[in-house]
């Protein structure tokens, strides 16, 4: 099974994992249309769909497709393998350090923003503007500096100083000035974009959730998270890099020497 066909199978199984979907013909003979009440409509390869039927992963009755118990297990396995099989792409990235921005080697596939930044829109231009990508990475950097990410284990470095790991009552008083400042910047940025977009930015930029995961968790239609994220990053970029208004220069009214003082006329 090629990577492309497996990806197509995963799209179909993912849609059906949310419930039955109506099967309709498309204008193209090699495509079908699957309509789900929760996720909307997608176009899928007829060859891939027929292959899922032959493998008893999907069943169709009265033009309504459903996952079989075998299909549910196969979808869970393929989804896990797809997450674990993400390749590592090493490249140069600009990172923000206390002493300024520096270029460093980074895993470009780690952040969902890194993947979106390399995509092209229909007009051939990058899907994300440079300032939008910078804004997302800046939010992630402050979120990490502010120690807002949950710890997956004990913080032994903190235990060596005060005996109280971060995350326990009273630990917030031990935050450094830099961490407190980072938290304030995060709060200001999320307040600036508004509560409707703040949660999505935290999920994608800070917790590095994939767009498909976000759509599943929020029961959004397929490929909708990318559009909303673009809007959220644009608002975040305006917060970090507000556009400067051009001030038209006024004409010079008077040339004066260094010791010149204007006279106040009496009215």
Protein backbone atom coordinates (compact mmCIF):
# COMPACT_ATOMS: atom_id res chain seq x y z
CA UNK A 1 0.00 0.00 0.00
CA UNK A 2 1.45 3.33 -1.05
CA UNK A 3 1.61 6.28 1.28
CA UNK A 4 -0.95 8.22 -0.79
CA UNK A 5 -3.53 5.41 -0.82
CA UNK A 6 -3.05 4.85 2.92
CA UNK A 7 -3.63 8.54 3.52
CA UNK A 8 -6.83 8.36 1.46
CA UNK A 9 -8.00 5.30 3.43
CA UNK A 10 -7.33 7.16 6.67
CA UNK A 11 -9.44 10.14 5.49
CA UNK A 12 -12.40 7.88 4.74
CA UNK A 13 -12.10 5.90 7.97
CA UNK A 14 -11.76 9.10 9.99
CA UNK A 15 -14.98 10.51 8.51
CA UNK A 16 -16.88 7.29 9.19
CA UNK A 17 -15.51 7.11 12.74
CA UNK A 18 -17.92 9.95 13.58
CA UNK A 19 -20.93 8.03 12.28
CA UNK A 20 -22.61 6.91 9.06
CA UNK A 21 -22.15 8.86 5.83
CA UNK A 22 -24.24 9.02 2.66
CA UNK A 23 -22.50 7.77 -0.49
CA UNK A 24 -23.13 9.74 -3.68
CA UNK A 25 -21.64 9.76 -7.15
CA UNK A 26 -19.38 12.57 -8.33
CA UNK A 27 -19.02 14.16 -11.74
CA UNK A 28 -15.72 12.29 -12.00
CA UNK A 29 -16.15 8.56 -12.34
CA UNK A 30 -13.08 7.81 -10.19
CA UNK A 31 -14.40 9.81 -7.20
CA UNK A 32 -17.31 9.51 -4.78
CA UNK A 33 -18.82 11.94 -2.32
CA UNK A 34 -19.25 11.05 1.37
CA UNK A 35 -21.54 13.27 3.44
CA UNK A 36 -21.44 13.09 7.25
CA UNK A 37 -23.82 14.97 9.52
CA UNK A 38 -20.95 15.96 11.83
CA UNK A 39 -18.02 16.55 9.48
CA UNK A 40 -19.68 17.63 6.27
CA UNK A 41 -18.79 16.36 2.80
CA UNK A 42 -15.53 15.05 1.40
CA UNK A 43 -14.52 13.74 -2.00
CA UNK A 44 -12.82 10.34 -1.87
CA UNK A 45 -11.17 7.94 -4.28
CA UNK A 46 -13.56 5.24 -5.50
CA UNK A 47 -10.66 2.77 -5.66
CA UNK A 48 -9.79 3.37 -2.01
CA UNK A 49 -13.42 3.11 -0.93
CA UNK A 50 -13.92 -0.14 -2.86
CA UNK A 51 -10.74 -1.49 -1.27
CA UNK A 52 -12.11 -0.78 2.20
CA UNK A 53 -15.30 -2.62 1.26
CA UNK A 54 -13.34 -5.67 0.07
CA UNK A 55 -11.33 -5.72 3.31
CA UNK A 56 -14.59 -5.58 5.31
CA UNK A 57 -13.54 -2.35 7.01
CA UNK A 58 -16.59 -0.52 5.66
CA UNK A 59 -20.11 -1.70 4.90
CA UNK A 60 -22.76 0.00 2.73
CA UNK A 61 -26.52 -0.40 3.02
CA UNK A 62 -29.00 1.75 1.06
CA UNK A 63 -26.12 4.03 0.01
CA UNK A 64 -25.17 4.68 3.65
CA UNK A 65 -21.61 3.72 4.64
CA UNK A 66 -20.62 2.64 8.15
CA UNK A 67 -17.49 1.34 9.83
CA UNK A 68 -17.43 -2.32 10.77
CA UNK A 69 -15.90 -3.44 14.10
CA UNK A 70 -12.84 -4.45 12.08
CA UNK A 71 -12.79 -0.99 10.52
CA UNK A 72 -12.88 0.69 13.93
CA UNK A 73 -9.81 -1.31 15.03
CA UNK A 74 -8.04 -0.66 11.72
CA UNK A 75 -8.67 3.09 11.97
CA UNK A 76 -7.23 3.24 15.49
CA UNK A 77 -4.14 1.31 14.39
CA UNK A 78 -3.59 3.35 11.22
CA UNK A 79 -4.04 6.61 13.11
CA UNK A 80 -1.43 5.64 15.70
CA UNK A 81 1.00 4.44 13.03
CA UNK A 82 0.51 7.67 11.09
CA UNK A 83 1.34 9.74 14.18
CA UNK A 84 4.39 7.65 15.05
CA UNK A 85 5.60 7.59 11.46
CA UNK A 86 5.96 11.34 11.09
CA UNK A 87 9.39 11.94 9.60
CA UNK A 88 11.91 14.30 11.07
CA UNK A 89 12.97 17.14 8.79
CA UNK A 90 16.02 19.02 10.01
CA UNK A 91 16.56 22.52 8.77
CA UNK A 92 17.53 26.05 9.77
CA UNK A 93 15.01 28.08 11.72
CA UNK A 94 15.12 31.50 13.35
CA UNK A 95 14.63 31.29 17.11
CA UNK A 96 14.24 34.07 19.64
CA UNK A 97 16.77 34.09 22.46
CA UNK A 98 17.30 36.57 25.32
CA UNK A 99 20.20 38.10 23.40
CA UNK A 100 18.21 38.34 20.16
CA UNK A 101 17.14 36.19 17.21
CA UNK A 102 19.54 33.47 16.04
CA UNK A 103 19.48 30.77 13.38
CA UNK A 104 19.59 27.24 14.75
CA UNK A 105 19.00 23.67 13.59
CA UNK A 106 15.44 22.53 14.30
CA UNK A 107 12.97 19.80 13.46
CA UNK A 108 10.80 21.59 10.90
CA UNK A 109 8.11 18.90 11.15
CA UNK A 110 7.70 19.28 14.91
CA UNK A 111 5.42 22.29 14.80
CA UNK A 112 2.19 22.23 12.76
CA UNK A 113 3.02 25.83 11.84
CA UNK A 114 6.27 24.69 10.25
CA UNK A 115 4.32 22.38 7.97
CA UNK A 116 1.75 25.03 7.10
CA UNK A 117 4.47 27.60 6.41
CA UNK A 118 5.85 25.37 3.64
CA UNK A 119 2.48 24.94 1.94
CA UNK A 120 1.39 27.03 -1.01
CA UNK A 121 -2.01 28.60 -1.57
CA UNK A 122 -3.84 28.27 -4.88
CA UNK A 123 -2.21 31.46 -6.14
CA UNK A 124 1.25 30.00 -5.48
CA UNK A 125 2.00 32.23 -2.52
CA UNK A 126 2.88 30.77 0.92
CA UNK A 127 -0.23 29.85 2.92
CA UNK A 128 1.17 31.63 5.99
CA UNK A 129 2.78 35.04 5.85
CA UNK A 130 6.17 35.36 7.52
CA UNK A 131 4.75 37.61 10.25
CA UNK A 132 1.99 35.08 11.00
CA UNK A 133 4.53 32.29 11.38
CA UNK A 134 6.72 34.48 13.60
CA UNK A 135 3.73 35.35 15.77
CA UNK A 136 2.85 31.71 16.35
CA UNK A 137 6.43 30.77 17.21
CA UNK A 138 6.73 33.78 19.52
CA UNK A 139 3.61 32.70 21.42
CA UNK A 140 5.04 29.20 21.73
CA UNK A 141 8.38 30.54 23.01
CA UNK A 142 6.68 32.68 25.69
CA UNK A 143 4.39 29.81 26.66
CA UNK A 144 7.45 27.62 27.22
CA UNK A 145 9.43 30.33 29.06
CA UNK A 146 6.45 30.96 31.31
CA UNK A 147 6.48 27.28 32.32
CA UNK A 148 2.83 26.94 31.32
CA UNK A 149 3.25 23.54 29.68
CA UNK A 150 2.34 20.62 31.98
CA UNK A 151 5.24 18.55 33.25
CA UNK A 152 5.30 14.86 32.35
CA UNK A 153 7.47 13.94 35.35
CA UNK A 154 8.97 15.25 38.54
CA UNK A 155 11.01 18.46 38.41
CA UNK A 156 14.13 17.27 40.21
CA UNK A 157 15.97 20.53 39.57
CA UNK A 158 13.43 22.42 41.68
CA UNK A 159 13.61 19.79 44.40
CA UNK A 160 17.31 20.53 44.81
CA UNK A 161 16.68 24.16 45.68
CA UNK A 162 13.48 24.43 47.65
CA UNK A 163 12.25 20.85 47.88
CA UNK A 164 8.98 21.82 46.20
CA UNK A 165 8.51 20.96 42.51
CA UNK A 166 6.78 23.35 40.14
CA UNK A 167 3.06 22.84 39.93
CA UNK A 168 2.53 22.43 43.68
CA UNK A 169 0.92 25.09 45.91
CA UNK A 170 3.27 27.98 46.53
CA UNK A 171 5.48 27.11 43.57
CA UNK A 172 4.31 30.14 41.57
CA UNK A 173 6.20 32.36 44.02
CA UNK A 174 9.42 30.70 42.86
CA UNK A 175 9.01 31.75 39.22
CA UNK A 176 11.83 33.85 37.85
CA UNK A 177 11.21 37.36 36.65
CA UNK A 178 11.64 36.12 33.09
CA UNK A 179 8.96 33.46 33.51
CA UNK A 180 6.54 35.94 35.06
CA UNK A 181 7.16 38.40 32.21
CA UNK A 182 6.60 35.61 29.66
CA UNK A 183 3.27 34.73 31.28
CA UNK A 184 2.22 38.36 31.15
CA UNK A 185 3.07 38.50 27.43
CA UNK A 186 1.06 35.32 26.80
CA UNK A 187 -1.95 36.71 28.66
CA UNK A 188 -1.73 39.99 26.75
CA UNK A 189 -1.48 38.19 23.39
CA UNK A 190 -4.40 35.83 24.06
CA UNK A 191 -6.51 38.70 25.37
CA UNK A 192 -5.66 40.66 22.24
CA UNK A 193 -6.90 37.95 19.84
CA UNK A 194 -10.04 37.24 21.88
CA UNK A 195 -11.45 34.09 23.54
CA UNK A 196 -12.87 32.73 20.27
CA UNK A 197 -9.37 32.26 18.78
CA UNK A 198 -7.14 31.97 21.86
CA UNK A 199 -7.88 28.30 22.54
CA UNK A 200 -7.00 27.24 18.99
CA UNK A 201 -3.70 29.14 19.11
CA UNK A 202 -2.72 27.45 22.37
CA UNK A 203 -3.64 23.99 21.04
CA UNK A 204 -1.71 24.32 17.77
CA UNK A 205 1.17 26.69 18.59
CA UNK A 206 1.90 25.66 22.19
CA UNK A 207 0.65 22.08 22.56
CA UNK A 208 1.59 21.26 18.93
CA UNK A 209 -1.70 19.55 18.16
CA UNK A 210 -2.23 18.65 14.54
CA UNK A 211 -5.08 20.27 12.65
CA UNK A 212 -6.82 16.93 12.19
CA UNK A 213 -6.66 16.32 15.94
CA UNK A 214 -8.17 19.76 16.58
CA UNK A 215 -11.00 19.04 14.15
CA UNK A 216 -11.75 15.71 15.83
CA UNK A 217 -11.72 17.18 19.34
CA UNK A 218 -13.95 20.10 18.38
CA UNK A 219 -16.13 18.17 15.91
CA UNK A 220 -15.28 20.66 13.16
CA UNK A 221 -15.66 19.90 9.45
CA UNK A 222 -12.61 18.53 7.68
CA UNK A 223 -10.00 21.13 6.66
CA UNK A 224 -11.80 23.89 8.57
CA UNK A 225 -9.14 24.24 11.28
CA UNK A 226 -6.61 25.49 8.73
CA UNK A 227 -8.85 28.42 7.76
CA UNK A 228 -9.65 29.39 11.35
CA UNK A 229 -5.98 29.09 12.32
CA UNK A 230 -5.01 31.45 9.50
CA UNK A 231 -7.45 34.02 10.90
CA UNK A 232 -6.15 33.52 14.45
CA UNK A 233 -2.51 33.93 13.40
CA UNK A 234 -3.35 37.10 11.48
CA UNK A 235 -4.90 38.58 14.64
CA UNK A 236 -1.90 37.43 16.70
CA UNK A 237 0.51 38.99 14.19
CA UNK A 238 -1.32 42.31 14.46
CA UNK A 239 -0.87 42.15 18.24
CA UNK A 240 2.88 41.47 18.06
CA UNK A 241 3.66 43.57 15.00
CA UNK A 242 1.02 46.31 14.71
CA UNK A 243 1.00 48.13 11.43
CA UNK A 244 2.49 51.61 11.65
CA UNK A 245 0.33 54.40 10.37
CA UNK A 246 2.07 56.77 8.02
CA UNK A 247 2.11 60.34 9.32
CA UNK A 248 2.18 62.93 6.59
CA UNK A 249 4.92 65.48 7.18
CA UNK A 250 3.83 69.08 7.68
CA UNK A 251 5.36 72.00 5.87
CA UNK A 252 8.04 74.09 7.58
CA UNK A 253 6.48 77.29 8.85
CA UNK A 254 9.61 79.13 10.01
CA UNK A 255 13.39 78.82 9.99
CA UNK A 256 15.00 80.06 13.18
CA UNK A 257 18.47 80.38 14.62
CA UNK A 258 19.51 78.42 17.72
CA UNK A 259 18.58 81.30 20.06
CA UNK A 260 15.34 82.13 18.25
CA UNK A 261 12.22 82.47 20.41
CA UNK A 262 8.79 83.08 18.89
CA UNK A 263 6.97 86.24 19.91
CA UNK A 264 3.57 85.89 21.54
CA UNK A 265 1.19 88.40 20.03
CA UNK A 266 -1.36 90.01 22.30
CA UNK A 267 -5.00 89.86 21.37
